[in-house]
């Protein structure tokens, strides 16, 4: 009977999800920017580090220059399976990551100068043509390089987001001047590129006008459709042929949302904006075939990207917004939320039940610990199911969000000092290692609210 009780306790312990914060870093500065989770509950995080990042559970990474990109695989118990550093003498960082069903990892970001993208004993060098360049690489399930390619021209380019299907990979970002066969319409433009799984480009589109325009994210809809979001000024077009998008910014910066078919042909376009700056933080596909978009706005903004109007007003310098549309771009619901300071929405994801999960951060007085992150779930109908705050003694910013197979929320970002024990986040404290550290944080929703699904 005693052995049976111990066995039951072990079984219960395995079934009850445990929350954890996981610091990643060394004595200098580390930032987590991209996050993906596979079917075995392994998390893949991409970001940047400086100096000696020695706290990847004994895996030592040494930057080759100012900052290097890193990619790490973390298992369900918060142990590092592998971690690799990629970089050269300049500034290099990983910004977006996606993982296939077979465990292959696709990472995008930016690099400068010459970088060896092979973390093993071999060498696969890419050299930028001018300033910073976008890159896309594929790693095996063991963290070994399969291939790496450069996406860029003579000026600054950056890859921000990756989306993955069984036969192709999409990258969204920002470029100046030229990018492969694209030519910007002005200062900087957004881009979206479709490549095969061997890294061969299939098509590329630029999105922008005469002013500065930026990419934000890419997500796959039902079938072979692809959604792209970003920020624009004035009147953008889509290229390389330069067709108009029939939208005009209402003020300074607005958010664009595009739906394309498998060949890159425009199916629908929409705008979110007001008289001040609206910024796109992230985009995610939803179970019904549409997408959710998160970002921030100032004063007032129309957060319905279609022909209707859903006006929201900020409570302070800026507020976050969260908008969900169906597969045709029709508004399902939208929310604006914030306090008296600066509040931003940085990333979003969805589950198979129709819920949408978003992360962002809000400014707080330095005496109260500086910025803190917020995480929230909204139901299929837009009602808030739960929300929690993540805080540290210095500051804490949430940059990426994903769900594990049981529906638990995992957040990635960076913090300074020591994470504070927040009752609603159901986790203990961890201390940072240096000036700024990356983190992963697996959350269990508060009792009586949304529960993990199996």
Protein backbone atom coordinates (compact mmCIF):
# COMPACT_ATOMS: atom_id res chain seq x y z
CA UNK A 1 0.00 0.00 0.00
CA UNK A 2 2.88 2.31 0.78
CA UNK A 3 4.41 1.67 -2.64
CA UNK A 4 1.03 2.23 -4.28
CA UNK A 5 0.67 5.59 -2.52
CA UNK A 6 4.10 6.66 -3.67
CA UNK A 7 3.23 5.56 -7.20
CA UNK A 8 0.00 7.56 -7.12
CA UNK A 9 1.85 10.59 -5.82
CA UNK A 10 4.36 10.30 -8.64
CA UNK A 11 1.55 9.96 -11.17
CA UNK A 12 -0.24 13.00 -9.78
CA UNK A 13 2.98 14.99 -9.82
CA UNK A 14 3.44 14.11 -13.48
CA UNK A 15 -0.14 15.13 -14.34
CA UNK A 16 -0.24 18.39 -12.41
CA UNK A 17 1.58 21.04 -14.46
CA UNK A 18 4.33 22.88 -12.67
CA UNK A 19 5.19 26.52 -13.39
CA UNK A 20 8.76 27.71 -13.64
CA UNK A 21 10.80 30.77 -14.52
CA UNK A 22 14.04 29.92 -16.36
CA UNK A 23 16.88 32.46 -16.51
CA UNK A 24 19.32 32.28 -19.44
CA UNK A 25 22.41 34.42 -19.44
CA UNK A 26 25.82 35.41 -18.21
CA UNK A 27 27.56 38.46 -16.74
CA UNK A 28 26.69 40.80 -19.63
CA UNK A 29 23.43 41.32 -21.56
CA UNK A 30 21.12 38.66 -22.98
CA UNK A 31 17.74 39.07 -24.64
CA UNK A 32 15.15 36.48 -25.75
CA UNK A 33 13.13 37.58 -28.79
CA UNK A 34 11.66 34.50 -30.51
CA UNK A 35 9.88 31.43 -29.11
CA UNK A 36 8.34 28.20 -30.42
CA UNK A 37 7.17 24.98 -28.74
CA UNK A 38 7.02 21.48 -30.26
CA UNK A 39 4.63 18.57 -29.69
CA UNK A 40 6.93 17.07 -27.03
CA UNK A 41 6.76 20.24 -24.91
CA UNK A 42 10.26 21.43 -25.79
CA UNK A 43 10.68 25.18 -26.07
CA UNK A 44 12.98 26.79 -28.64
CA UNK A 45 14.14 30.31 -27.87
CA UNK A 46 16.18 32.69 -30.03
CA UNK A 47 17.85 35.91 -29.00
CA UNK A 48 21.19 37.59 -28.47
CA UNK A 49 24.00 37.55 -25.90
CA UNK A 50 27.22 39.35 -25.11
CA UNK A 51 30.49 38.13 -23.62
CA UNK A 52 30.42 34.79 -21.82
CA UNK A 53 26.86 33.46 -21.53
CA UNK A 54 27.61 30.61 -19.13
CA UNK A 55 24.21 29.87 -17.64
CA UNK A 56 22.67 27.61 -20.29
CA UNK A 57 22.82 24.75 -17.78
CA UNK A 58 26.54 24.32 -18.24
CA UNK A 59 26.61 25.02 -21.99
CA UNK A 60 29.14 27.82 -22.41
CA UNK A 61 28.70 30.26 -25.26
CA UNK A 62 31.27 32.95 -26.03
CA UNK A 63 30.37 35.82 -28.37
CA UNK A 64 32.75 36.52 -31.23
CA UNK A 65 32.09 40.27 -31.19
CA UNK A 66 29.67 42.87 -29.87
CA UNK A 67 26.72 40.48 -29.61
CA UNK A 68 25.94 37.07 -31.08
CA UNK A 69 22.70 35.27 -31.81
CA UNK A 70 21.76 32.23 -29.74
CA UNK A 71 19.27 29.41 -30.17
CA UNK A 72 18.46 27.08 -27.27
CA UNK A 73 16.24 24.04 -26.81
CA UNK A 74 14.68 23.76 -23.33
CA UNK A 75 12.77 20.65 -22.24
CA UNK A 76 9.53 20.53 -20.22
CA UNK A 77 11.45 20.42 -16.93
CA UNK A 78 13.33 23.62 -17.83
CA UNK A 79 16.61 21.82 -18.61
CA UNK A 80 18.74 22.94 -21.55
CA UNK A 81 18.93 20.18 -24.18
CA UNK A 82 21.30 22.17 -26.40
CA UNK A 83 22.30 25.76 -27.02
CA UNK A 84 24.32 27.26 -29.87
CA UNK A 85 25.85 30.67 -30.49
CA UNK A 86 26.13 32.23 -33.96
CA UNK A 87 27.95 35.44 -34.74
CA UNK A 88 30.95 37.43 -35.86
CA UNK A 89 32.68 40.65 -34.93
CA UNK A 90 29.59 42.83 -35.26
CA UNK A 91 26.03 42.85 -33.90
CA UNK A 92 24.11 39.63 -34.55
CA UNK A 93 20.78 38.47 -33.09
CA UNK A 94 18.07 35.87 -33.48
CA UNK A 95 14.58 37.33 -33.65
CA UNK A 96 12.11 34.74 -34.93
CA UNK A 97 11.93 30.94 -34.62
CA UNK A 98 9.66 28.13 -35.78
CA UNK A 99 9.87 24.35 -35.34
CA UNK A 100 8.60 21.59 -37.62
CA UNK A 101 6.79 18.44 -36.58
CA UNK A 102 10.04 16.53 -37.15
CA UNK A 103 11.97 18.88 -34.84
CA UNK A 104 13.84 20.97 -37.43
CA UNK A 105 14.31 24.55 -36.25
CA UNK A 106 14.10 27.61 -38.51
CA UNK A 107 15.55 30.89 -37.23
CA UNK A 108 15.65 34.38 -38.67
CA UNK A 109 17.32 37.56 -37.47
CA UNK A 110 20.12 39.82 -38.58
CA UNK A 111 23.92 39.78 -38.81
CA UNK A 112 26.74 42.04 -39.92
CA UNK A 113 30.18 41.44 -41.40
CA UNK A 114 31.17 37.80 -41.81
CA UNK A 115 29.56 35.11 -39.64
CA UNK A 116 30.14 31.37 -39.44
CA UNK A 117 26.62 29.99 -39.08
CA UNK A 118 27.78 26.41 -38.42
CA UNK A 119 27.82 25.85 -34.64
CA UNK A 120 29.75 22.60 -35.16
CA UNK A 121 33.31 21.97 -36.36
CA UNK A 122 32.51 22.89 -39.98
CA UNK A 123 32.32 26.39 -41.44
CA UNK A 124 29.41 27.96 -43.32
CA UNK A 125 30.27 31.64 -43.68
CA UNK A 126 27.90 34.37 -44.85
CA UNK A 127 29.10 37.91 -45.50
CA UNK A 128 26.86 40.97 -45.49
CA UNK A 129 26.88 43.13 -48.60
CA UNK A 130 26.84 46.35 -46.62
CA UNK A 131 25.07 47.04 -43.36
CA UNK A 132 23.10 44.57 -41.27
CA UNK A 133 21.54 41.71 -43.25
CA UNK A 134 18.65 39.33 -42.66
CA UNK A 135 19.41 35.65 -42.35
CA UNK A 136 17.41 32.44 -42.35
CA UNK A 137 18.85 29.16 -41.13
CA UNK A 138 17.69 25.62 -40.51
CA UNK A 139 18.98 23.49 -37.64
CA UNK A 140 18.45 19.77 -37.13
CA UNK A 141 16.63 18.45 -34.04
CA UNK A 142 20.09 18.12 -32.46
CA UNK A 143 21.02 21.74 -33.11
CA UNK A 144 23.28 20.99 -36.08
CA UNK A 145 23.31 23.29 -39.10
CA UNK A 146 21.40 22.05 -42.16
CA UNK A 147 21.72 25.28 -44.18
CA UNK A 148 21.93 29.05 -43.78
CA UNK A 149 21.25 31.82 -46.28
CA UNK A 150 21.48 35.59 -46.47
CA UNK A 151 18.51 37.80 -47.36
CA UNK A 152 19.63 41.32 -48.04
CA UNK A 153 21.35 44.04 -50.04
CA UNK A 154 23.80 46.86 -49.45
CA UNK A 155 21.84 48.61 -46.68
CA UNK A 156 20.19 47.45 -43.43
CA UNK A 157 17.81 44.46 -43.51
CA UNK A 158 16.32 42.34 -40.73
CA UNK A 159 14.27 39.15 -40.53
CA UNK A 160 11.69 39.37 -37.74
CA UNK A 161 9.23 36.50 -38.02
CA UNK A 162 9.05 32.94 -39.39
CA UNK A 163 6.04 30.80 -40.29
CA UNK A 164 6.33 27.16 -41.31
CA UNK A 165 4.28 24.69 -43.37
CA UNK A 166 5.06 21.13 -44.48
CA UNK A 167 6.59 22.27 -47.75
CA UNK A 168 7.65 25.89 -47.28
CA UNK A 169 8.87 28.55 -44.87
CA UNK A 170 7.88 32.23 -44.81
CA UNK A 171 9.93 35.14 -43.46
CA UNK A 172 8.75 38.69 -42.78
CA UNK A 173 10.94 41.66 -41.95
CA UNK A 174 12.21 45.07 -43.05
CA UNK A 175 14.74 46.16 -45.69
CA UNK A 176 16.31 49.27 -47.18
CA UNK A 177 17.41 49.76 -50.76
CA UNK A 178 17.37 46.26 -52.26
CA UNK A 179 16.57 42.77 -51.03
CA UNK A 180 17.31 40.03 -53.57
CA UNK A 181 15.11 41.14 -56.54
CA UNK A 182 13.12 43.72 -54.55
CA UNK A 183 13.68 47.48 -54.60
CA UNK A 184 12.26 49.62 -51.80
CA UNK A 185 9.74 52.29 -52.73
CA UNK A 186 11.24 54.76 -50.27
CA UNK A 187 13.37 54.69 -47.15
CA UNK A 188 12.56 51.28 -45.66
CA UNK A 189 9.92 48.77 -46.70
CA UNK A 190 8.43 45.63 -45.21
CA UNK A 191 9.00 42.33 -46.99
CA UNK A 192 7.56 38.82 -46.97
CA UNK A 193 9.39 35.92 -48.63
CA UNK A 194 8.37 32.33 -49.30
CA UNK A 195 11.17 29.75 -49.54
CA UNK A 196 11.23 25.99 -49.88
CA UNK A 197 12.58 23.83 -47.07
CA UNK A 198 16.05 23.89 -48.63
CA UNK A 199 16.17 27.69 -48.46
CA UNK A 200 15.47 28.40 -52.14
CA UNK A 201 13.33 31.54 -52.61
CA UNK A 202 9.99 30.91 -54.33
CA UNK A 203 8.68 34.50 -54.27
CA UNK A 204 9.17 37.78 -52.43
CA UNK A 205 6.98 40.83 -51.97
CA UNK A 206 7.79 44.31 -50.71
CA UNK A 207 5.19 46.40 -48.87
CA UNK A 208 5.75 50.13 -48.49
CA UNK A 209 5.76 53.63 -49.88
CA UNK A 210 7.92 56.75 -49.91
CA UNK A 211 8.36 56.86 -46.11
CA UNK A 212 9.60 54.37 -43.50
CA UNK A 213 7.58 51.15 -43.47
CA UNK A 214 8.36 48.08 -41.37
CA UNK A 215 7.42 44.42 -41.26
CA UNK A 216 6.09 42.89 -38.07
CA UNK A 217 5.00 39.29 -38.52
CA UNK A 218 3.74 36.53 -40.77
CA UNK A 219 1.16 33.82 -40.06
CA UNK A 220 -0.42 31.02 -42.08
CA UNK A 221 -4.18 30.85 -42.54
CA UNK A 222 -6.28 27.94 -43.64
CA UNK A 223 -5.16 26.31 -46.83
CA UNK A 224 -2.18 28.01 -48.41
CA UNK A 225 -3.02 31.59 -47.47
CA UNK A 226 -0.52 33.79 -45.68
CA UNK A 227 -1.15 36.89 -43.54
CA UNK A 228 1.40 39.69 -43.15
CA UNK A 229 1.33 42.62 -40.72
CA UNK A 230 3.51 45.67 -40.22
CA UNK A 231 3.64 49.44 -39.85
CA UNK A 232 3.38 52.05 -42.62
CA UNK A 233 3.30 55.80 -43.24
CA UNK A 234 1.20 57.57 -45.85
CA UNK A 235 0.23 55.28 -48.77
CA UNK A 236 1.96 51.91 -49.29
CA UNK A 237 2.02 49.65 -52.34
CA UNK A 238 2.87 45.98 -52.78
CA UNK A 239 5.51 44.78 -55.22
CA UNK A 240 7.71 44.16 -57.02
CA UNK A 241 5.11 45.43 -59.49
CA UNK A 242 4.01 48.15 -57.03
CA UNK A 243 0.24 47.69 -56.95
CA UNK A 244 -1.66 50.04 -54.66
CA UNK A 245 -3.14 48.84 -51.38
CA UNK A 246 -6.01 51.34 -51.23
CA UNK A 247 -5.07 52.59 -47.76
CA UNK A 248 -3.84 55.86 -46.33
CA UNK A 249 -2.44 56.38 -42.84
CA UNK A 250 -4.75 58.41 -40.63
CA UNK A 251 -1.87 60.09 -38.83
CA UNK A 252 1.81 59.34 -38.47
CA UNK A 253 2.16 55.53 -38.35
CA UNK A 254 -0.60 52.99 -38.93
CA UNK A 255 -0.70 49.19 -38.97
CA UNK A 256 -1.33 47.25 -42.19
CA UNK A 257 -2.76 43.74 -42.38
CA UNK A 258 -2.60 41.78 -45.66
CA UNK A 259 -3.94 38.41 -46.78
CA UNK A 260 -2.11 36.76 -49.69
CA UNK A 261 -2.60 33.53 -51.59
CA UNK A 262 0.04 30.83 -52.07
CA UNK A 263 1.61 32.71 -55.00
CA UNK A 264 1.78 36.05 -53.16
CA UNK A 265 -1.27 37.55 -54.89
CA UNK A 266 -3.12 40.06 -52.73
CA UNK A 267 -6.54 38.86 -51.55
CA UNK A 268 -7.42 41.49 -48.94
CA UNK A 269 -5.89 44.45 -47.14
CA UNK A 270 -6.83 46.34 -43.99
CA UNK A 271 -5.59 49.16 -41.76
CA UNK A 272 -5.52 49.86 -38.02
CA UNK A 273 -4.80 53.45 -37.07
CA UNK A 274 -5.54 56.87 -35.65
CA UNK A 275 -4.12 60.37 -35.56
CA UNK A 276 -0.94 59.38 -33.65
CA UNK A 277 1.43 56.37 -33.86
CA UNK A 278 0.08 52.84 -34.08
CA UNK A 279 2.67 50.06 -33.96
CA UNK A 280 2.31 46.35 -34.75
CA UNK A 281 3.73 44.00 -32.12
CA UNK A 282 2.80 40.56 -33.46
CA UNK A 283 0.38 38.43 -35.49
CA UNK A 284 -0.86 34.85 -35.00
CA UNK A 285 -3.18 32.49 -36.84
CA UNK A 286 -6.39 31.47 -35.08
CA UNK A 287 -8.29 28.20 -35.21
CA UNK A 288 -11.16 29.61 -37.28
CA UNK A 289 -8.84 30.58 -40.14
CA UNK A 290 -8.31 34.25 -39.36
CA UNK A 291 -5.65 36.02 -37.32
CA UNK A 292 -5.15 38.06 -34.17
CA UNK A 293 -2.96 41.18 -34.19
CA UNK A 294 -1.47 42.89 -31.14
CA UNK A 295 0.27 46.25 -30.89
CA UNK A 296 -0.09 49.67 -29.34
CA UNK A 297 -1.69 53.03 -30.09
CA UNK A 298 -1.78 56.60 -28.74
CA UNK A 299 -4.78 58.85 -28.01
CA UNK A 300 -7.52 57.25 -30.14
CA UNK A 301 -7.48 54.65 -32.91
CA UNK A 302 -9.81 52.61 -35.09
CA UNK A 303 -8.78 48.99 -34.44
CA UNK A 304 -11.18 47.49 -37.00
CA UNK A 305 -9.00 46.82 -40.07
CA UNK A 306 -12.08 46.48 -42.27
CA UNK A 307 -14.61 49.08 -43.45
CA UNK A 308 -16.26 49.34 -40.02
CA UNK A 309 -15.09 51.46 -37.10
CA UNK A 310 -14.16 50.30 -33.60
CA UNK A 311 -12.69 53.32 -31.83
CA UNK A 312 -10.67 52.95 -28.63
CA UNK A 313 -9.08 55.65 -26.46
CA UNK A 314 -5.81 55.31 -24.55
CA UNK A 315 -5.63 55.87 -20.79
CA UNK A 316 -2.09 57.23 -20.87
CA UNK A 317 0.82 57.84 -23.24
CA UNK A 318 -0.03 54.68 -25.19
CA UNK A 319 -2.24 51.60 -24.71
CA UNK A 320 -2.09 48.09 -26.12
CA UNK A 321 -4.65 46.82 -28.61
CA UNK A 322 -5.70 43.29 -29.52
CA UNK A 323 -7.78 42.70 -32.66
CA UNK A 324 -9.14 39.44 -34.06
CA UNK A 325 -10.51 39.00 -37.61
CA UNK A 326 -11.99 36.03 -39.45
CA UNK A 327 -10.59 34.40 -42.58
CA UNK A 328 -12.02 37.17 -44.78
CA UNK A 329 -10.66 40.03 -42.66
CA UNK A 330 -13.98 40.81 -40.95
CA UNK A 331 -13.68 42.04 -37.38
CA UNK A 332 -14.70 39.51 -34.72
CA UNK A 333 -13.67 41.61 -31.72
CA UNK A 334 -11.11 44.13 -30.59
CA UNK A 335 -9.83 45.44 -27.26
CA UNK A 336 -7.78 48.35 -26.01
CA UNK A 337 -6.20 48.24 -22.55
CA UNK A 338 -3.62 50.04 -20.47
CA UNK A 339 -2.86 52.32 -17.55
CA UNK A 340 -1.59 55.89 -17.27
CA UNK A 341 1.92 55.29 -18.66
CA UNK A 342 3.26 53.61 -21.80
CA UNK A 343 1.70 50.19 -22.49
CA UNK A 344 2.61 48.00 -25.45
CA UNK A 345 1.52 44.70 -26.98
CA UNK A 346 4.45 42.65 -28.25
CA UNK A 347 3.32 39.13 -29.21
CA UNK A 348 0.23 36.95 -29.61
CA UNK A 349 -0.70 33.30 -30.14
CA UNK A 350 -3.87 31.21 -30.32
CA UNK A 351 -5.06 27.75 -29.28
CA UNK A 352 -7.27 25.12 -30.89
CA UNK A 353 -10.27 26.22 -28.82
CA UNK A 354 -10.36 29.74 -30.21
CA UNK A 355 -8.71 31.51 -27.28
CA UNK A 356 -6.08 34.18 -27.95
CA UNK A 357 -3.08 34.82 -25.66
CA UNK A 358 -1.12 38.06 -25.71
CA UNK A 359 1.92 39.48 -23.96
CA UNK A 360 3.22 43.00 -23.61
CA UNK A 361 4.71 45.32 -21.06
CA UNK A 362 3.90 48.50 -19.21
CA UNK A 363 6.09 51.26 -17.83
CA UNK A 364 6.16 51.63 -14.06
CA UNK A 365 8.09 54.05 -11.82
CA UNK A 366 11.67 52.95 -11.14
CA UNK A 367 10.81 52.88 -7.43
CA UNK A 368 8.28 50.12 -8.24
CA UNK A 369 10.75 48.04 -10.24
CA UNK A 370 10.55 49.60 -13.68
CA UNK A 371 8.67 48.00 -16.57
CA UNK A 372 6.70 44.79 -16.02
CA UNK A 373 5.13 42.34 -18.43
CA UNK A 374 1.46 41.44 -18.65
CA UNK A 375 0.04 38.18 -20.03
CA UNK A 376 -3.64 37.62 -20.80
CA UNK A 377 -5.97 35.04 -22.31
CA UNK A 378 -9.09 36.15 -24.20
CA UNK A 379 -11.81 33.65 -25.03
CA UNK A 380 -13.17 32.92 -28.47
CA UNK A 381 -15.72 35.71 -27.97
CA UNK A 382 -13.11 38.21 -26.74
CA UNK A 383 -13.82 38.07 -23.02
CA UNK A 384 -10.75 38.16 -20.79
CA UNK A 385 -10.35 34.77 -19.08
CA UNK A 386 -7.33 35.70 -16.96
CA UNK A 387 -4.38 38.04 -16.82
CA UNK A 388 -1.18 38.07 -14.77
CA UNK A 389 1.78 40.37 -14.25
CA UNK A 390 5.43 39.30 -14.45
CA UNK A 391 7.87 41.52 -12.60
CA UNK A 392 11.50 41.76 -11.49
CA UNK A 393 13.39 43.94 -9.05
CA UNK A 394 14.93 45.84 -11.98
CA UNK A 395 12.62 45.55 -14.97
CA UNK A 396 11.03 42.77 -17.02
CA UNK A 397 9.87 42.84 -20.65
CA UNK A 398 7.86 40.13 -22.42
CA UNK A 399 8.85 39.64 -26.09
CA UNK A 400 7.34 36.33 -27.26
CA UNK A 401 4.59 33.88 -26.31
CA UNK A 402 3.70 30.27 -27.17
CA UNK A 403 1.54 27.42 -25.87
CA UNK A 404 2.69 23.93 -24.95
CA UNK A 405 0.67 20.82 -25.95
CA UNK A 406 -1.35 21.00 -22.70
CA UNK A 407 -2.33 24.62 -23.31
CA UNK A 408 0.05 26.14 -20.77
CA UNK A 409 1.42 29.55 -21.62
CA UNK A 410 5.16 30.08 -22.04
CA UNK A 411 6.59 33.59 -22.25
CA UNK A 412 10.09 34.69 -23.30
CA UNK A 413 11.77 38.03 -22.74
CA UNK A 414 14.43 39.72 -20.64
CA UNK A 415 14.76 40.96 -17.07
CA UNK A 416 17.11 42.73 -14.70
CA UNK A 417 17.72 41.80 -11.07
CA UNK A 418 15.49 39.17 -9.53
CA UNK A 419 12.07 38.00 -10.65
CA UNK A 420 9.48 38.68 -8.00
CA UNK A 421 7.31 35.93 -6.59
CA UNK A 422 3.88 36.76 -7.92
CA UNK A 423 1.06 34.77 -6.39
CA UNK A 424 -1.05 34.88 -9.52
CA UNK A 425 1.83 33.62 -11.67
CA UNK A 426 2.31 30.57 -9.41
CA UNK A 427 6.10 30.50 -9.39
CA UNK A 428 9.11 31.26 -7.28
CA UNK A 429 11.97 33.70 -7.65
CA UNK A 430 15.08 33.43 -9.76
CA UNK A 431 18.07 35.75 -9.83
CA UNK A 432 19.70 37.12 -12.93
CA UNK A 433 23.37 36.65 -13.72
CA UNK A 434 24.38 40.05 -15.04
CA UNK A 435 23.22 43.34 -16.51
CA UNK A 436 20.24 41.84 -18.33
CA UNK A 437 19.19 38.22 -18.75
CA UNK A 438 16.91 36.30 -21.06
CA UNK A 439 14.15 34.21 -19.53
CA UNK A 440 11.49 31.62 -20.25
CA UNK A 441 8.48 31.52 -17.91
CA UNK A 442 5.92 28.73 -17.94
CA UNK A 443 2.69 29.88 -16.33
CA UNK A 444 -0.21 28.09 -14.70
CA UNK A 445 -3.37 30.24 -14.75
CA UNK A 446 -4.77 31.30 -11.39
CA UNK A 447 -7.13 28.87 -9.61
CA UNK A 448 -10.73 29.14 -10.77
CA UNK A 449 -9.76 30.58 -14.16
CA UNK A 450 -8.84 28.93 -17.44
CA UNK A 451 -7.33 25.48 -16.94
CA UNK A 452 -4.75 23.58 -19.02
CA UNK A 453 -6.35 21.29 -21.62
CA UNK A 454 -5.18 17.80 -22.34
